[in-house]
């Protein structure tokens, strides 16, 4: 067992990860949501100690995926992953956080966030992946920024109102 490892897997604040839980997306080979959140927690601790200016981005390709046949969707996701990876530095983190969304954590980007968004959109458009949305996370703690960015990709559930509540 190497330095810094604990028997039974990785130790996390929430008691979460062990060796049997996958942190890699099966389709793209990128980090999945679980892996990305673990990296985000580590970066939050590093950022609190050393400072810096990390940036979070969310790339939603839902509309592009919906235009493809089901048999072509995995190929499109792999293509999108490659395009995004080509736009990033080796020190940035790219993950597929759900079926049609990718997250990017850029550490010490040294560039304006809007220029990074422009570059991502341009490269997606050049490869004919239209109608993708790139969202920038507002500055603040990485955990708060991620929660604001992540939101719910689907509309909230309907709430039934009883007739006696409607009159209030």
Protein backbone atom coordinates (compact mmCIF):
# COMPACT_ATOMS: atom_id res chain seq x y z
CA UNK A 1 0.00 0.00 0.00
CA UNK A 2 1.43 3.38 -1.00
CA UNK A 3 1.73 6.53 1.05
CA UNK A 4 -1.53 8.36 1.63
CA UNK A 5 -3.77 5.42 0.88
CA UNK A 6 -6.13 3.90 3.36
CA UNK A 7 -7.19 0.28 3.44
CA UNK A 8 -10.55 -0.18 1.73
CA UNK A 9 -10.30 2.66 -0.79
CA UNK A 10 -10.29 6.42 -0.86
CA UNK A 11 -11.34 8.37 2.21
CA UNK A 12 -13.76 11.24 1.64
CA UNK A 13 -15.58 13.67 3.87
CA UNK A 14 -18.91 12.00 3.21
CA UNK A 15 -17.49 8.52 3.68
CA UNK A 16 -18.29 8.00 0.01
CA UNK A 17 -15.84 6.54 -2.45
CA UNK A 18 -14.36 3.12 -2.30
CA UNK A 19 -12.57 1.13 -4.96
CA UNK A 20 -15.76 -0.54 -6.15
CA UNK A 21 -17.52 2.72 -7.10
CA UNK A 22 -16.83 3.84 -10.65
CA UNK A 23 -15.63 7.39 -11.31
CA UNK A 24 -15.23 7.00 -15.09
CA UNK A 25 -17.97 7.43 -17.68
CA UNK A 26 -18.32 4.22 -19.69
CA UNK A 27 -19.10 5.95 -23.00
CA UNK A 28 -16.52 8.75 -23.14
CA UNK A 29 -13.80 7.56 -20.77
CA UNK A 30 -13.97 10.91 -18.96
CA UNK A 31 -14.65 11.38 -15.27
CA UNK A 32 -18.32 10.85 -14.48
CA UNK A 33 -20.39 12.94 -12.04
CA UNK A 34 -19.00 11.10 -9.02
CA UNK A 35 -15.43 11.56 -10.22
CA UNK A 36 -15.99 15.21 -11.08
CA UNK A 37 -17.48 15.99 -7.68
CA UNK A 38 -14.52 14.34 -5.98
CA UNK A 39 -12.11 16.46 -8.04
CA UNK A 40 -14.21 19.54 -7.26
CA UNK A 41 -13.96 18.83 -3.50
CA UNK A 42 -10.19 18.47 -3.76
CA UNK A 43 -9.89 21.70 -5.74
CA UNK A 44 -12.12 23.51 -3.21
CA UNK A 45 -9.67 22.56 -0.46
CA UNK A 46 -6.66 23.55 -2.58
CA UNK A 47 -8.32 26.84 -3.52
CA UNK A 48 -9.09 27.65 0.14
CA UNK A 49 -5.46 27.13 1.05
CA UNK A 50 -3.60 28.66 -1.90
CA UNK A 51 -6.15 30.92 -3.59
CA UNK A 52 -6.39 31.29 -7.33
CA UNK A 53 -9.19 31.76 -9.78
CA UNK A 54 -10.82 28.48 -10.79
CA UNK A 55 -13.68 28.63 -13.29
CA UNK A 56 -16.55 26.23 -13.84
CA UNK A 57 -18.35 25.70 -17.14
CA UNK A 58 -21.26 23.51 -18.11
CA UNK A 59 -21.73 22.38 -21.72
CA UNK A 60 -25.20 21.12 -22.56
CA UNK A 61 -25.55 19.23 -25.85
CA UNK A 62 -29.08 17.96 -25.23
CA UNK A 63 -30.53 19.44 -28.43
CA UNK A 64 -27.69 18.12 -30.58
CA UNK A 65 -28.10 14.64 -29.09
CA UNK A 66 -31.89 14.73 -29.60
CA UNK A 67 -31.38 15.32 -33.34
CA UNK A 68 -29.46 12.06 -33.72
CA UNK A 69 -30.72 8.52 -34.04
CA UNK A 70 -30.39 6.55 -30.79
CA UNK A 71 -27.70 4.37 -32.38
CA UNK A 72 -25.59 7.49 -33.18
CA UNK A 73 -25.83 9.21 -29.79
CA UNK A 74 -22.87 7.52 -28.10
CA UNK A 75 -20.66 8.38 -31.09
CA UNK A 76 -21.75 12.01 -30.82
CA UNK A 77 -20.95 12.10 -27.11
CA UNK A 78 -17.48 10.70 -27.77
CA UNK A 79 -17.00 13.31 -30.51
CA UNK A 80 -18.11 16.14 -28.20
CA UNK A 81 -15.76 14.86 -25.49
CA UNK A 82 -12.87 14.93 -27.98
CA UNK A 83 -13.71 18.44 -29.19
CA UNK A 84 -13.92 19.80 -25.65
CA UNK A 85 -10.71 18.02 -24.62
CA UNK A 86 -8.89 19.58 -27.59
CA UNK A 87 -9.99 23.04 -26.39
CA UNK A 88 -8.65 22.58 -22.87
CA UNK A 89 -5.29 22.46 -21.18
CA UNK A 90 -3.88 19.34 -19.53
CA UNK A 91 -4.47 20.93 -16.12
CA UNK A 92 -8.21 21.42 -16.71
CA UNK A 93 -10.78 18.78 -15.78
CA UNK A 94 -13.44 17.63 -18.21
CA UNK A 95 -16.23 15.29 -17.13
CA UNK A 96 -19.51 13.95 -18.43
CA UNK A 97 -21.83 14.74 -15.53
CA UNK A 98 -25.05 13.35 -16.96
CA UNK A 99 -26.50 12.00 -20.20
CA UNK A 100 -26.08 15.18 -22.26
CA UNK A 101 -23.96 17.54 -20.17
CA UNK A 102 -20.25 18.01 -19.68
CA UNK A 103 -18.57 19.99 -16.89
CA UNK A 104 -15.23 21.77 -17.09
CA UNK A 105 -13.10 22.93 -14.18
CA UNK A 106 -10.39 25.32 -15.33
CA UNK A 107 -7.69 26.10 -12.79
CA UNK A 108 -5.73 29.36 -13.15
CA UNK A 109 -7.17 29.82 -16.62
CA UNK A 110 -5.45 33.18 -17.14
CA UNK A 111 -8.10 34.11 -19.68
CA UNK A 112 -11.43 35.82 -19.56
CA UNK A 113 -14.26 33.30 -19.10
CA UNK A 114 -16.10 34.70 -22.11
CA UNK A 115 -13.12 33.97 -24.37
CA UNK A 116 -13.09 30.36 -23.17
CA UNK A 117 -16.83 30.07 -23.80
CA UNK A 118 -16.35 31.56 -27.27
CA UNK A 119 -13.60 29.06 -28.07
CA UNK A 120 -15.72 26.11 -26.89
CA UNK A 121 -18.74 27.24 -28.91
CA UNK A 122 -16.64 27.92 -32.01
CA UNK A 123 -15.05 24.47 -31.98
CA UNK A 124 -18.42 22.78 -31.47
CA UNK A 125 -19.96 24.79 -34.33
CA UNK A 126 -17.03 24.05 -36.64
CA UNK A 127 -17.70 20.34 -36.11
CA UNK A 128 -21.39 20.88 -36.84
CA UNK A 129 -22.57 20.32 -33.30
CA UNK A 130 -25.16 23.05 -33.26
CA UNK A 131 -27.42 24.29 -30.50
CA UNK A 132 -25.06 23.52 -27.67
CA UNK A 133 -25.22 25.70 -24.59
CA UNK A 134 -22.11 26.73 -22.66
CA UNK A 135 -22.76 28.25 -19.25
CA UNK A 136 -20.21 29.97 -17.02
CA UNK A 137 -20.39 29.51 -13.28
CA UNK A 138 -20.59 32.66 -11.20
CA UNK A 139 -17.62 33.28 -8.94
CA UNK A 140 -17.80 32.20 -5.34
CA UNK A 141 -17.06 28.92 -3.64
CA UNK A 142 -16.74 26.06 -6.09
CA UNK A 143 -19.42 24.04 -4.29
CA UNK A 144 -21.92 26.92 -4.46
CA UNK A 145 -21.01 27.65 -8.06
CA UNK A 146 -21.48 24.00 -9.01
CA UNK A 147 -24.89 23.84 -7.32
CA UNK A 148 -26.00 26.98 -9.16
CA UNK A 149 -24.72 25.64 -12.50
CA UNK A 150 -25.92 22.10 -12.09
CA UNK A 151 -29.47 22.98 -11.18
CA UNK A 152 -32.12 20.60 -12.37
CA UNK A 153 -31.84 19.80 -16.08
CA UNK A 154 -35.50 18.85 -16.08
CA UNK A 155 -38.52 20.94 -15.12
CA UNK A 156 -39.46 20.74 -11.45
CA UNK A 157 -42.20 18.32 -10.46
CA UNK A 158 -45.72 19.69 -10.40
CA UNK A 159 -47.13 20.45 -7.00
CA UNK A 160 -50.77 19.63 -6.42
CA UNK A 161 -52.70 22.33 -4.62
CA UNK A 162 -55.72 21.34 -2.61
CA UNK A 163 -58.80 23.43 -3.18
CA UNK A 164 -58.61 24.85 0.37
CA UNK A 165 -55.01 26.07 -0.28
CA UNK A 166 -55.94 27.80 -3.54
CA UNK A 167 -58.06 30.40 -1.77
CA UNK A 168 -55.23 31.64 0.47
